[in-house]
Amino acid sequence: MADPAPAKSAPRSSPPAAPLSSDSARLMQRAVAEVGRRIVGQENMIERLLVGLLTGGHILLEGVPGLAKTLAVRTLAEIIHASFSRIQFTPDLLPADVIGTMVFDVKTQEFGVRRGPIFANIILADEINRAPAKVQSALLEAMQERQVSIGGTSYPLQEPFLVLATQNPIEQEGTYPLPEAQLDRFLLKVHVDYPSRTEEKEILERIGGGMPIPVEPQLSPREILAARETVRSVHLDPRLGDYVVDLVRATRAPAAVGLEDLAQLVAFGASPRASLALGQSARALAFLRGRAYVIPEDVQAMAPDVLRHRIVLTFEAEAEDVTADQIVSRVVAAVRAP
């Protein structure tokens, strides 16, 4: 097989950079600047959180404690004129603690609905992998259907609705691995890394004194929904659409792109939902970077976050310490970009 061709900056058939909505672009720039007042570094995480906001896709943040995952989500919620709920997931949590339940009113002698914390625009699901299966099932309906069922009645969740979950990869006691079906509902799984030395020193100088850093609301739900419409209009060239599909399909049949050695390492590849997620997130990334069209680099940048949690590895892969990120990296290198 020939070596993969280097990615080009943009397909020839892409239209010229049509002006994006100046209001939406300006609002997003202000939002990034406001988050940056409190969060030092972690540009990749902040950018991915905004991708989720612009697409309506839920995000799973994974990293060791102390990397500002919870602070970043809380800060994002504070810069939005929207409701916010934080749910601390624990092994003894019940579905009713998340979605709500029916309660009996002694005065009226009737049952009424007491809504749970899931009825908010931004949901911080902290340490989501500590919740048992029944809670995960209740959350799955909310994430996928944008509604919850209480007492046999379905209640829609108000848009924008976004679940931003965190989990700790190094602590296993008292945790429940997320089912593959629920993992697939997350648009992105983002790995949060340690800051650089310079960034860590700035964290010490800026936050070490313990003084709170206030942030100002910058976005309203109406403006977020308007920005989502703008993102949907970002141009995805048909050849880039083929590229997205080829990348996702290569995770299912790596031998088709010359990666025969990966066939014994991948039990299940990414589903067609991954193709949708990769196209949507590439559009949002192009928008955040000031373009009205997607380039191959947008797709390649989002591929690890979109695909890493949708690939199921075999026992052979685990025995050889092969990770999903390594699989994705080799697939991206093998599939020819337009």
Protein backbone atom coordinates (compact mmCIF):
# COMPACT_ATOMS: atom_id res chain seq x y z
CA MET A 1 0.00 0.00 0.00
CA ALA A 2 1.27 3.47 -0.88
CA ASP A 3 2.23 5.85 1.86
CA PRO A 4 -0.61 8.10 2.93
CA ALA A 5 -0.61 11.43 1.19
CA PRO A 6 -0.05 14.47 3.39
CA ALA A 7 -3.19 16.32 4.38
CA LYS A 8 -3.88 19.47 2.43
CA SER A 9 -5.18 22.67 3.92
CA ALA A 10 -8.60 22.51 2.24
CA PRO A 11 -10.28 20.62 -0.59
CA ARG A 12 -10.29 22.55 -3.86
CA SER A 13 -14.06 22.44 -4.12
CA SER A 14 -14.49 24.13 -0.75
CA PRO A 15 -16.08 27.55 -1.10
CA PRO A 16 -14.19 30.65 -0.08
CA ALA A 17 -14.37 31.41 3.61
CA ALA A 18 -17.90 32.83 3.72
CA PRO A 19 -18.28 35.16 6.66
CA LEU A 20 -19.47 33.37 9.74
CA SER A 21 -22.08 34.96 11.94
CA SER A 22 -20.02 37.78 13.44
CA ASP A 23 -22.22 37.88 16.54
CA SER A 24 -21.85 34.15 17.21
CA ALA A 25 -18.11 34.16 16.56
CA ARG A 26 -17.60 37.18 18.80
CA LEU A 27 -19.65 35.60 21.59
CA MET A 28 -17.58 32.42 21.45
CA GLN A 29 -14.34 34.41 21.59
CA ARG A 30 -15.63 36.25 24.66
CA ALA A 31 -16.63 32.95 26.24
CA VAL A 32 -13.16 31.49 25.71
CA ALA A 33 -11.55 34.61 27.17
CA GLU A 34 -13.83 34.50 30.21
CA VAL A 35 -13.08 30.84 30.90
CA GLY A 36 -9.37 31.64 30.52
CA ARG A 37 -9.59 34.05 33.45
CA ARG A 38 -10.08 31.10 35.79
CA ILE A 39 -8.58 28.11 33.93
CA VAL A 40 -4.86 28.23 33.17
CA GLY A 41 -3.85 26.30 30.06
CA GLN A 42 -6.01 23.27 29.17
CA GLU A 43 -6.88 24.90 25.83
CA ASN A 44 -7.70 21.52 24.33
CA MET A 45 -10.24 20.74 27.05
CA ILE A 46 -11.86 24.18 26.82
CA GLU A 47 -12.08 23.93 23.04
CA ARG A 48 -13.73 20.48 23.30
CA LEU A 49 -16.22 21.75 25.87
CA LEU A 50 -17.24 24.48 23.44
CA VAL A 51 -17.50 21.91 20.63
CA GLY A 52 -20.00 20.06 22.82
CA LEU A 53 -21.90 23.27 23.50
CA LEU A 54 -22.06 24.10 19.79
CA THR A 55 -23.22 20.63 18.74
CA GLY A 56 -25.39 19.66 21.69
CA GLY A 57 -23.16 16.62 22.22
CA HIS A 58 -22.37 15.26 25.68
CA ILE A 59 -18.73 15.08 26.77
CA LEU A 60 -16.81 12.74 29.05
CA LEU A 61 -13.69 14.21 30.65
CA GLU A 62 -11.14 11.70 31.91
CA GLY A 63 -8.10 12.62 33.94
CA VAL A 64 -6.45 12.24 37.31
CA PRO A 65 -7.73 14.39 40.20
CA GLY A 66 -6.64 18.02 40.37
CA LEU A 67 -6.62 18.90 36.66
CA ALA A 68 -9.52 21.41 36.85
CA LYS A 69 -12.09 19.18 35.13
CA THR A 70 -14.88 20.06 37.55
CA LEU A 71 -13.78 23.70 37.72
CA ALA A 72 -13.83 23.99 33.93
CA VAL A 73 -17.37 22.62 33.68
CA ARG A 74 -18.59 24.83 36.51
CA THR A 75 -16.95 27.87 34.89
CA LEU A 76 -18.58 27.08 31.54
CA ALA A 77 -21.94 26.93 33.30
CA GLU A 78 -21.30 30.26 35.03
CA ILE A 79 -20.64 32.10 31.76
CA ILE A 80 -24.03 30.98 30.43
CA HIS A 81 -27.37 32.48 31.45
CA ALA A 82 -28.73 28.98 32.01
CA SER A 83 -29.59 26.60 34.82
CA PHE A 84 -26.85 24.36 36.19
CA SER A 85 -26.87 21.20 38.31
CA ARG A 86 -24.01 19.26 39.80
CA ILE A 87 -24.64 15.59 40.57
CA GLN A 88 -22.04 13.79 42.65
CA PHE A 89 -22.29 10.16 41.61
CA THR A 90 -21.86 7.60 44.40
CA PRO A 91 -22.45 3.84 44.62
CA ASP A 92 -25.61 4.33 46.72
CA LEU A 93 -27.21 6.80 44.30
CA LEU A 94 -30.73 5.94 43.10
CA PRO A 95 -32.40 6.86 39.77
CA ALA A 96 -34.89 9.03 41.69
CA ASP A 97 -31.97 11.06 43.06
CA VAL A 98 -31.14 12.05 39.47
CA ILE A 99 -34.40 12.30 37.54
CA GLY A 100 -36.91 12.84 40.35
CA THR A 101 -39.86 10.88 41.65
CA MET A 102 -43.56 10.94 42.53
CA VAL A 103 -44.35 12.28 46.00
CA PHE A 104 -47.62 12.26 47.91
CA ASP A 105 -49.00 15.63 49.01
CA VAL A 106 -50.86 15.19 52.27
CA LYS A 107 -52.75 18.46 51.85
CA THR A 108 -54.13 17.74 48.37
CA GLN A 109 -54.18 13.94 48.81
CA GLU A 110 -52.61 13.65 45.38
CA PHE A 111 -49.32 12.48 43.93
CA GLY A 112 -47.14 15.10 42.29
CA VAL A 113 -43.81 15.14 40.51
CA ARG A 114 -40.70 16.28 42.31
CA ARG A 115 -38.17 16.96 39.58
CA GLY A 116 -34.58 15.94 40.07
CA PRO A 117 -31.35 17.80 39.25
CA ILE A 118 -31.40 16.44 35.69
CA PHE A 119 -33.89 19.22 34.86
CA ALA A 120 -31.25 21.84 34.05
CA ASN A 121 -29.43 23.09 30.97
CA ILE A 122 -25.91 22.14 32.03
CA ILE A 123 -25.41 18.95 34.04
CA LEU A 124 -22.08 18.22 35.73
CA ALA A 125 -22.03 14.46 36.30
CA ASP A 126 -19.07 14.25 38.64
CA GLU A 127 -17.31 10.87 38.85
CA ILE A 128 -19.98 9.31 36.66
CA ASN A 129 -18.40 5.85 36.80
CA ARG A 130 -19.28 5.56 40.50
CA ALA A 131 -23.00 5.21 39.75
CA PRO A 132 -24.64 1.75 39.59
CA ALA A 133 -26.36 0.31 36.49
CA LYS A 134 -29.89 1.54 37.29
CA VAL A 135 -28.70 5.13 37.55
CA GLN A 136 -26.74 4.77 34.31
CA SER A 137 -29.91 3.52 32.56
CA ALA A 138 -31.92 6.51 33.78
CA LEU A 139 -29.21 8.88 32.63
CA LEU A 140 -29.00 7.13 29.26
CA GLU A 141 -32.62 8.02 28.43
CA ALA A 142 -32.00 11.65 29.34
CA MET A 143 -28.85 11.84 27.21
CA GLN A 144 -30.30 10.14 24.15
CA GLU A 145 -33.99 11.06 24.16
CA ARG A 146 -33.71 14.46 25.88
CA GLN A 147 -36.50 13.38 28.19
CA VAL A 148 -37.03 11.43 31.42
CA SER A 149 -39.84 9.14 32.55
CA ILE A 150 -41.38 9.62 35.99
CA GLY A 151 -44.45 7.72 37.08
CA GLY A 152 -45.20 6.52 33.56
CA THR A 153 -45.11 10.03 32.08
CA SER A 154 -42.35 11.44 29.90
CA TYR A 155 -41.05 14.93 30.61
CA PRO A 156 -38.95 16.74 27.96
CA LEU A 157 -35.71 18.41 28.97
CA GLN A 158 -35.23 22.03 27.98
CA GLU A 159 -32.66 22.91 25.34
CA PRO A 160 -29.82 23.50 25.46
CA PHE A 161 -29.28 20.30 27.45
CA LEU A 162 -25.72 19.13 27.94
CA VAL A 163 -24.21 16.43 30.16
CA LEU A 164 -20.57 17.08 30.98
CA ALA A 165 -19.25 14.08 32.91
CA THR A 166 -15.95 13.45 34.65
CA GLN A 167 -14.26 10.22 35.66
CA ASN A 168 -11.03 9.23 37.35
CA PRO A 169 -9.01 6.62 35.39
CA ILE A 170 -6.73 5.53 38.23
CA GLU A 171 -9.19 4.62 40.97
CA GLN A 172 -11.08 1.34 40.48
CA GLU A 173 -12.53 0.56 43.91
CA GLY A 174 -16.23 1.40 44.07
CA THR A 175 -16.52 2.19 40.36
CA TYR A 176 -18.77 0.76 37.66
CA PRO A 177 -17.41 0.75 34.08
CA LEU A 178 -19.74 2.67 31.81
CA PRO A 179 -21.72 0.42 29.43
CA GLU A 180 -20.69 0.63 25.77
CA ALA A 181 -24.19 1.85 24.91
CA GLN A 182 -23.80 4.82 27.20
CA LEU A 183 -20.24 5.56 26.13
CA ASP A 184 -21.52 5.76 22.55
CA ARG A 185 -23.90 8.54 23.62
CA PHE A 186 -21.00 10.80 24.49
CA LEU A 187 -19.98 12.88 21.51
CA LEU A 188 -16.41 13.11 22.81
CA LYS A 189 -14.21 11.44 25.38
CA VAL A 190 -11.48 13.93 26.23
CA HIS A 191 -8.25 13.01 27.97
CA VAL A 192 -7.14 15.81 30.29
CA ASP A 193 -3.37 16.01 30.74
CA TYR A 194 -1.09 17.68 33.26
CA PRO A 195 -0.26 21.36 32.65
CA SER A 196 3.18 22.43 31.53
CA ARG A 197 5.67 23.76 34.08
CA THR A 198 4.99 27.35 33.02
CA GLU A 199 1.25 26.84 33.30
CA GLU A 200 1.59 25.18 36.71
CA LYS A 201 3.62 28.13 37.98
CA GLU A 202 0.93 30.51 36.71
CA ILE A 203 -1.72 28.41 38.49
CA LEU A 204 0.25 28.85 41.72
CA GLU A 205 0.56 32.62 41.25
CA ARG A 206 -3.01 33.21 40.12
CA ILE A 207 -4.98 30.84 42.31
CA GLY A 208 -2.55 29.86 45.08
CA GLY A 209 -3.71 32.73 47.28
CA GLY A 210 -7.17 31.22 47.57
CA MET A 211 -9.01 34.33 46.35
CA PRO A 212 -12.00 33.49 44.11
CA ILE A 213 -11.83 34.60 40.49
CA PRO A 214 -15.26 35.82 39.35
CA VAL A 215 -16.49 35.36 35.80
CA GLU A 216 -19.29 37.13 33.99
CA PRO A 217 -22.12 35.46 32.02
CA GLN A 218 -21.52 35.86 28.28
CA LEU A 219 -24.04 33.57 26.54
CA SER A 220 -27.77 33.00 26.70
CA PRO A 221 -29.58 29.80 25.65
CA ARG A 222 -31.01 31.67 22.65
CA GLU A 223 -27.52 32.70 21.52
CA ILE A 224 -26.22 29.15 21.94
CA LEU A 225 -29.03 27.75 19.79
CA ALA A 226 -28.35 30.45 17.17
CA ALA A 227 -24.66 29.53 17.13
CA ARG A 228 -25.62 25.88 16.61
CA GLU A 229 -27.53 26.87 13.49
CA THR A 230 -24.44 28.65 12.22
CA VAL A 231 -22.30 25.57 12.89
CA ARG A 232 -24.72 23.40 10.87
CA SER A 233 -24.13 25.69 7.88
CA VAL A 234 -20.33 25.19 7.99
CA HIS A 235 -19.42 23.52 4.69
CA LEU A 236 -18.29 19.89 4.71
CA ASP A 237 -16.96 19.00 1.27
CA PRO A 238 -18.30 15.67 -0.09
CA ARG A 239 -14.75 14.36 -0.33
CA LEU A 240 -14.25 15.17 3.35
CA GLY A 241 -17.51 13.37 4.02
CA ASP A 242 -16.00 10.33 2.33
CA TYR A 243 -12.88 10.79 4.45
CA VAL A 244 -14.95 10.80 7.66
CA VAL A 245 -16.74 7.60 6.64
CA ASP A 246 -13.49 5.91 5.60
CA LEU A 247 -11.86 6.71 8.94
CA VAL A 248 -14.77 5.27 10.92
CA ARG A 249 -15.07 2.18 8.72
CA ALA A 250 -11.33 1.56 9.05
CA THR A 251 -11.79 1.04 12.79
CA ARG A 252 -14.11 -1.88 11.94
CA ALA A 253 -11.99 -3.35 9.13
CA PRO A 254 -8.40 -2.17 9.62
CA ALA A 255 -7.12 -4.78 7.17
CA ALA A 256 -8.89 -2.89 4.37
CA VAL A 257 -6.44 0.00 4.80
CA GLY A 258 -3.36 -2.17 5.14
CA LEU A 259 -3.44 -2.60 8.91
CA GLU A 260 -3.75 -6.39 8.98
CA ASP A 261 -2.03 -6.63 12.37
CA LEU A 262 -4.83 -4.64 14.00
CA ALA A 263 -7.53 -7.13 12.98
CA GLN A 264 -6.77 -9.31 16.01
CA LEU A 265 -6.71 -6.31 18.35
CA VAL A 266 -10.10 -4.71 17.59
CA ALA A 267 -13.21 -6.63 18.67
CA PHE A 268 -15.68 -3.96 17.55
CA GLY A 269 -15.10 -0.73 15.67
CA ALA A 270 -16.99 2.54 15.81
CA SER A 271 -20.66 2.65 14.78
CA PRO A 272 -22.26 4.97 12.19
CA ARG A 273 -23.05 7.29 15.10
CA ALA A 274 -19.31 7.97 15.16
CA SER A 275 -19.45 9.23 11.56
CA LEU A 276 -22.17 11.69 12.52
CA ALA A 277 -20.23 12.77 15.61
CA LEU A 278 -16.99 13.25 13.67
CA GLY A 279 -18.69 15.36 11.01
CA GLN A 280 -20.52 17.50 13.57
CA SER A 281 -17.50 18.06 15.78
CA ALA A 282 -15.28 18.91 12.78
CA ARG A 283 -17.79 21.57 11.74
CA ALA A 284 -17.82 23.02 15.27
CA LEU A 285 -14.02 23.05 15.43
CA ALA A 286 -13.83 24.85 12.08
CA PHE A 287 -16.30 27.43 13.40
CA LEU A 288 -14.28 27.99 16.58
CA ARG A 289 -11.18 28.50 14.46
CA GLY A 290 -12.90 31.11 12.31
CA ARG A 291 -13.65 29.17 9.14
CA ALA A 292 -16.87 28.53 7.25
CA TYR A 293 -15.60 25.23 5.87
CA VAL A 294 -13.98 22.09 7.24
CA ILE A 295 -10.43 21.07 6.34
CA PRO A 296 -8.82 17.63 6.82
CA GLU A 297 -6.95 18.85 9.88
CA ASP A 298 -10.28 19.51 11.64
CA VAL A 299 -11.33 15.90 11.09
CA GLN A 300 -7.94 14.57 12.18
CA ALA A 301 -7.92 16.75 15.31
CA MET A 302 -11.32 15.49 16.44
CA ALA A 303 -10.83 11.83 15.48
CA PRO A 304 -9.18 10.69 18.75
CA ASP A 305 -11.84 12.31 20.96
CA VAL A 306 -14.68 10.93 18.83
CA LEU A 307 -13.34 7.40 18.33
CA ARG A 308 -11.34 6.37 21.41
CA HIS A 309 -14.39 5.38 23.49
CA ARG A 310 -16.18 3.70 20.59
CA ILE A 311 -13.53 1.05 19.91
CA VAL A 312 -13.74 -2.21 21.86
CA LEU A 313 -10.38 -3.95 22.11
CA THR A 314 -9.76 -7.69 22.32
CA PHE A 315 -8.00 -9.54 25.13
CA GLU A 316 -4.94 -9.73 22.90
CA ALA A 317 -4.79 -5.94 22.77
CA GLU A 318 -5.06 -5.68 26.53
CA ALA A 319 -2.35 -8.30 26.97
CA GLU A 320 -0.06 -6.32 24.67
CA ASP A 321 -0.93 -3.00 26.36
CA VAL A 322 -2.35 -1.61 23.11
CA THR A 323 -4.68 1.35 23.68
CA ALA A 324 -7.58 2.68 21.65
CA ASP A 325 -5.62 5.90 21.09
CA GLN A 326 -2.85 3.92 19.42
CA ILE A 327 -5.41 2.24 17.16
CA VAL A 328 -6.94 5.59 16.19
CA SER A 329 -3.51 7.11 15.53
CA ARG A 330 -2.58 4.31 13.14
CA VAL A 331 -5.96 4.46 11.37
CA VAL A 332 -5.64 8.23 10.84
CA ALA A 333 -2.14 7.74 9.45
CA ALA A 334 -3.27 4.97 7.09
CA VAL A 335 -6.44 6.51 5.60
CA ARG A 336 -5.61 8.89 2.77
CA ALA A 337 -6.84 12.45 3.32
CA PRO A 338 -8.38 14.37 0.36
